[in-house]
């Protein structure tokens, strides 16, 4: 029983590591996501302000 539990834990560990650190591909025709961590957010601010006549939603997600 302990051996099966250990194997399941190891497999889950590899699955989680692959999910977070494995290669991620962007579908064709879709631009890749941008990461603004530590970067200048001026392009995002300008795009947000230029669309004043439409509904705008800015969602910031954090794992913590």
N, C-alpha and C. Protein backbone atom coordinates (compact mmCIF):
# COMPACT_ATOMS: atom_id res chain seq x y z
N UNK A 1 0.83 -1.19 0.00
CA UNK A 1 0.00 0.00 0.00
C UNK A 1 0.87 1.26 0.00
N UNK A 2 1.93 1.24 0.81
CA UNK A 2 2.82 2.40 0.87
C UNK A 2 3.52 2.62 -0.47
N UNK A 3 3.85 1.50 -1.14
CA UNK A 3 4.55 1.61 -2.41
C UNK A 3 3.64 2.24 -3.48
N UNK A 4 2.38 1.86 -3.49
CA UNK A 4 1.43 2.42 -4.45
C UNK A 4 1.25 3.91 -4.18
N UNK A 5 1.13 4.27 -2.92
CA UNK A 5 0.97 5.68 -2.56
C UNK A 5 2.19 6.49 -2.99
N UNK A 6 3.37 5.93 -2.80
CA UNK A 6 4.60 6.61 -3.20
C UNK A 6 4.64 6.80 -4.72
N UNK A 7 4.25 5.79 -5.47
CA UNK A 7 4.24 5.88 -6.94
C UNK A 7 3.25 6.95 -7.38
N UNK A 8 2.06 6.99 -6.77
CA UNK A 8 1.06 8.00 -7.13
C UNK A 8 1.59 9.41 -6.82
N UNK A 9 2.23 9.59 -5.68
CA UNK A 9 2.77 10.89 -5.32
C UNK A 9 3.86 11.32 -6.30
N UNK A 10 4.72 10.41 -6.69
CA UNK A 10 5.79 10.73 -7.64
C UNK A 10 5.20 11.11 -9.00
N UNK A 11 4.20 10.36 -9.45
CA UNK A 11 3.57 10.65 -10.74
C UNK A 11 2.88 12.02 -10.69
N UNK A 12 2.17 12.31 -9.60
CA UNK A 12 1.54 13.62 -9.45
C UNK A 12 2.57 14.74 -9.42
N UNK A 13 3.69 14.49 -8.75
CA UNK A 13 4.76 15.49 -8.71
C UNK A 13 5.31 15.80 -10.09
N UNK A 14 5.52 14.76 -10.89
CA UNK A 14 5.99 14.98 -12.27
C UNK A 14 4.93 15.70 -13.09
N UNK A 15 3.67 15.35 -12.90
CA UNK A 15 2.60 16.00 -13.66
C UNK A 15 2.52 17.49 -13.32
N UNK A 16 2.63 17.82 -12.05
CA UNK A 16 2.59 19.23 -11.63
C UNK A 16 3.80 19.98 -12.17
N UNK A 17 4.98 19.37 -12.09
CA UNK A 17 6.19 20.01 -12.60
C UNK A 17 6.09 20.23 -14.11
N UNK A 18 5.56 19.26 -14.84
CA UNK A 18 5.42 19.42 -16.29
C UNK A 18 4.41 20.52 -16.61
N UNK A 19 3.33 20.58 -15.85
CA UNK A 19 2.30 21.59 -16.11
C UNK A 19 2.85 23.00 -15.94
N UNK A 20 3.61 23.23 -14.87
CA UNK A 20 4.10 24.58 -14.60
C UNK A 20 5.41 24.92 -15.32
N UNK A 21 6.26 23.93 -15.57
CA UNK A 21 7.57 24.22 -16.15
C UNK A 21 7.77 23.61 -17.52
N UNK A 22 6.82 22.84 -18.00
CA UNK A 22 6.92 22.23 -19.32
C UNK A 22 6.72 23.26 -20.40
N UNK A 23 6.94 22.85 -21.61
CA UNK A 23 6.76 23.76 -22.72
C UNK A 23 5.30 24.12 -22.94
N UNK A 24 5.07 25.37 -23.19
CA UNK A 24 3.73 25.85 -23.49
C UNK A 24 3.74 26.42 -24.89
N UNK A 25 2.73 26.08 -25.65
CA UNK A 25 2.65 26.56 -27.02
C UNK A 25 1.42 27.44 -27.17
N UNK A 26 1.57 28.49 -27.92
CA UNK A 26 0.46 29.38 -28.23
C UNK A 26 -0.21 28.87 -29.50
N UNK A 27 -1.54 28.79 -29.53
CA UNK A 27 -2.21 28.34 -30.75
C UNK A 27 -1.90 29.27 -31.92
N UNK A 28 -1.96 28.71 -33.14
CA UNK A 28 -1.68 29.51 -34.33
C UNK A 28 -2.69 30.65 -34.45
N UNK A 29 -2.20 31.81 -34.81
CA UNK A 29 -3.07 32.96 -35.00
C UNK A 29 -3.29 33.77 -33.73
N UNK A 30 -2.85 33.27 -32.60
CA UNK A 30 -3.02 33.99 -31.33
C UNK A 30 -1.66 34.52 -30.89
N UNK A 31 -1.58 35.81 -30.60
CA UNK A 31 -0.30 36.33 -30.12
C UNK A 31 0.00 35.78 -28.72
N UNK A 32 1.28 35.59 -28.40
CA UNK A 32 1.62 35.08 -27.07
C UNK A 32 1.26 36.09 -25.99
N UNK A 33 1.00 35.58 -24.79
CA UNK A 33 0.68 36.44 -23.66
C UNK A 33 1.90 37.26 -23.26
N UNK A 34 1.66 38.45 -22.75
CA UNK A 34 2.73 39.31 -22.30
C UNK A 34 2.85 39.25 -20.79
N UNK A 35 4.05 39.35 -20.32
CA UNK A 35 4.30 39.41 -18.89
C UNK A 35 4.83 40.80 -18.58
N UNK A 36 4.14 41.52 -17.71
CA UNK A 36 4.56 42.87 -17.37
C UNK A 36 5.32 42.93 -16.05
N UNK A 37 5.77 41.79 -15.57
CA UNK A 37 6.50 41.80 -14.30
C UNK A 37 7.88 42.42 -14.53
N UNK A 38 8.10 43.52 -13.87
CA UNK A 38 9.38 44.20 -13.97
C UNK A 38 9.57 44.98 -15.25
N UNK A 39 8.52 45.08 -16.07
CA UNK A 39 8.65 45.80 -17.33
C UNK A 39 7.84 47.10 -17.28
N UNK A 40 8.03 47.90 -18.29
CA UNK A 40 7.29 49.14 -18.42
C UNK A 40 5.86 48.82 -18.86
N UNK A 41 4.87 49.35 -18.18
CA UNK A 41 3.47 49.08 -18.50
C UNK A 41 2.85 50.17 -19.36
N UNK A 42 3.66 51.04 -19.94
CA UNK A 42 3.14 52.13 -20.76
C UNK A 42 2.31 51.64 -21.94
N UNK A 43 2.72 50.59 -22.69
CA UNK A 43 1.87 50.13 -23.80
C UNK A 43 0.49 49.66 -23.32
N UNK A 44 0.43 48.99 -22.19
CA UNK A 44 -0.85 48.54 -21.65
C UNK A 44 -1.70 49.74 -21.23
N UNK A 45 -1.08 50.71 -20.60
CA UNK A 45 -1.80 51.91 -20.17
C UNK A 45 -2.35 52.67 -21.36
N UNK A 46 -1.55 52.81 -22.41
CA UNK A 46 -2.00 53.52 -23.61
C UNK A 46 -3.15 52.79 -24.30
N UNK A 47 -3.05 51.48 -24.42
CA UNK A 47 -4.12 50.70 -25.05
C UNK A 47 -5.40 50.80 -24.24
N UNK A 48 -5.27 50.78 -22.93
CA UNK A 48 -6.44 50.89 -22.05
C UNK A 48 -7.09 52.26 -22.19
N UNK A 49 -6.30 53.32 -22.19
CA UNK A 49 -6.84 54.67 -22.28
C UNK A 49 -7.39 55.01 -23.67
N UNK A 50 -6.84 54.40 -24.72
CA UNK A 50 -7.30 54.68 -26.08
C UNK A 50 -8.66 54.07 -26.38
N UNK A 51 -9.12 53.14 -25.58
CA UNK A 51 -10.42 52.50 -25.84
C UNK A 51 -11.46 53.04 -24.86
N UNK A 52 -11.50 54.34 -24.67
CA UNK A 52 -12.40 54.95 -23.69
C UNK A 52 -13.87 54.81 -24.08
N UNK A 53 -14.17 54.63 -25.36
CA UNK A 53 -15.57 54.53 -25.78
C UNK A 53 -16.14 53.12 -25.65
N UNK A 54 -15.33 52.15 -25.27
CA UNK A 54 -15.82 50.78 -25.12
C UNK A 54 -15.65 50.31 -23.68
N UNK A 55 -16.27 49.20 -23.37
CA UNK A 55 -16.16 48.64 -22.02
C UNK A 55 -14.77 48.08 -21.84
N UNK A 56 -14.14 48.42 -20.74
CA UNK A 56 -12.78 47.95 -20.46
C UNK A 56 -12.76 47.23 -19.13
N UNK A 57 -12.08 46.11 -19.10
CA UNK A 57 -11.93 45.34 -17.88
C UNK A 57 -10.45 44.95 -17.77
N UNK A 58 -9.88 45.25 -16.66
CA UNK A 58 -8.49 44.89 -16.42
C UNK A 58 -8.48 43.95 -15.22
N UNK A 59 -8.02 42.73 -15.42
CA UNK A 59 -7.98 41.73 -14.36
C UNK A 59 -6.53 41.39 -14.09
N UNK A 60 -6.15 41.51 -12.85
CA UNK A 60 -4.79 41.15 -12.45
C UNK A 60 -4.89 39.97 -11.50
N UNK A 61 -4.27 38.86 -11.88
CA UNK A 61 -4.32 37.64 -11.09
C UNK A 61 -2.96 37.38 -10.47
N UNK A 62 -2.99 36.86 -9.28
CA UNK A 62 -1.76 36.53 -8.58
C UNK A 62 -1.92 35.19 -7.90
N UNK A 63 -0.90 34.36 -7.90
CA UNK A 63 -1.02 33.05 -7.26
C UNK A 63 -1.01 33.12 -5.74
N UNK A 64 -0.79 34.28 -5.18
CA UNK A 64 -0.74 34.37 -3.72
C UNK A 64 -1.98 35.05 -3.18
